[in-house]
Amino acid sequence: MLLTLKVVFDLPYQMMKGLTGSIMWLVEWAWRIPDHTLPRTR
């Protein structure tokens, strides 16, 4: 029972951690792109 509970909670946690890491990586990567390479929005 305890093992099943651990797996049920651990899997979404690992997925969330991975997703957050990916988002942070994307934000950091996008932040390093110089402004002149981005299309002008205003």
C-alpha atoms as a PDB file:
ATOM      1  CA  MET A   1       0.000   0.000   0.000  1.00  0.00           C
ATOM      2  CA  LEU A   2       2.691   2.445   1.006  1.00  0.00           C
ATOM      3  CA  LEU A   3       4.776   1.576  -2.050  1.00  0.00           C
ATOM      4  CA  THR A   4       1.819   2.136  -4.377  1.00  0.00           C
ATOM      5  CA  LEU A   5       1.096   5.456  -2.707  1.00  0.00           C
ATOM      6  CA  LYS A   6       4.717   6.478  -3.123  1.00  0.00           C
ATOM      7  CA  VAL A   7       4.676   5.599  -6.822  1.00  0.00           C
ATOM      8  CA  VAL A   8       1.379   7.422  -7.385  1.00  0.00           C
ATOM      9  CA  PHE A   9       2.747  10.584  -5.806  1.00  0.00           C
ATOM     10  CA  ASP A  10       6.307  10.246  -7.059  1.00  0.00           C
ATOM     11  CA  LEU A  11       5.485   9.907 -10.755  1.00  0.00           C
ATOM     12  CA  PRO A  12       3.554  13.203 -11.134  1.00  0.00           C
ATOM     13  CA  TYR A  13       6.206  14.867  -8.966  1.00  0.00           C
ATOM     14  CA  GLN A  14       8.989  13.691 -11.269  1.00  0.00           C
ATOM     15  CA  MET A  15       6.963  14.756 -14.303  1.00  0.00           C
ATOM     16  CA  MET A  16       6.302  18.186 -12.819  1.00  0.00           C
ATOM     17  CA  LYS A  17       9.972  18.547 -11.944  1.00  0.00           C
ATOM     18  CA  GLY A  18      10.950  17.614 -15.479  1.00  0.00           C
ATOM     19  CA  LEU A  19       8.381  19.972 -16.965  1.00  0.00           C
ATOM     20  CA  THR A  20       9.485  22.844 -14.742  1.00  0.00           C
ATOM     21  CA  GLY A  21      13.103  22.175 -15.682  1.00  0.00           C
ATOM     22  CA  SER A  22      12.214  22.239 -19.371  1.00  0.00           C
ATOM     23  CA  ILE A  23      10.290  25.493 -19.016  1.00  0.00           C
ATOM     24  CA  MET A  24      13.127  27.122 -17.082  1.00  0.00           C
ATOM     25  CA  TRP A  25      15.591  25.943 -19.744  1.00  0.00           C
ATOM     26  CA  LEU A  26      13.397  27.379 -22.518  1.00  0.00           C
ATOM     27  CA  VAL A  27      13.021  30.700 -20.704  1.00  0.00           C
ATOM     28  CA  GLU A  28      16.760  30.917 -20.114  1.00  0.00           C
ATOM     29  CA  TRP A  29      17.450  30.012 -23.755  1.00  0.00           C
ATOM     30  CA  ALA A  30      14.928  32.566 -25.039  1.00  0.00           C
ATOM     31  CA  TRP A  31      16.351  35.220 -22.701  1.00  0.00           C
ATOM     32  CA  ARG A  32      19.785  34.868 -24.339  1.00  0.00           C
ATOM     33  CA  ILE A  33      18.476  35.529 -27.854  1.00  0.00           C
ATOM     34  CA  PRO A  34      19.346  39.111 -28.839  1.00  0.00           C
ATOM     35  CA  ASP A  35      16.362  41.389 -29.326  1.00  0.00           C
ATOM     36  CA  HIS A  36      17.099  42.065 -32.985  1.00  0.00           C
ATOM     37  CA  THR A  37      16.488  38.395 -33.882  1.00  0.00           C
ATOM     38  CA  LEU A  38      12.937  38.548 -32.520  1.00  0.00           C
ATOM     39  CA  PRO A  39      10.119  39.971 -34.656  1.00  0.00           C
ATOM     40  CA  ARG A  40       9.005  43.400 -33.524  1.00  0.00           C
ATOM     41  CA  THR A  41       5.727  43.304 -31.633  1.00  0.00           C
ATOM     42  CA  ARG A  42       5.348  47.046 -31.188  1.00  0.00           C
END
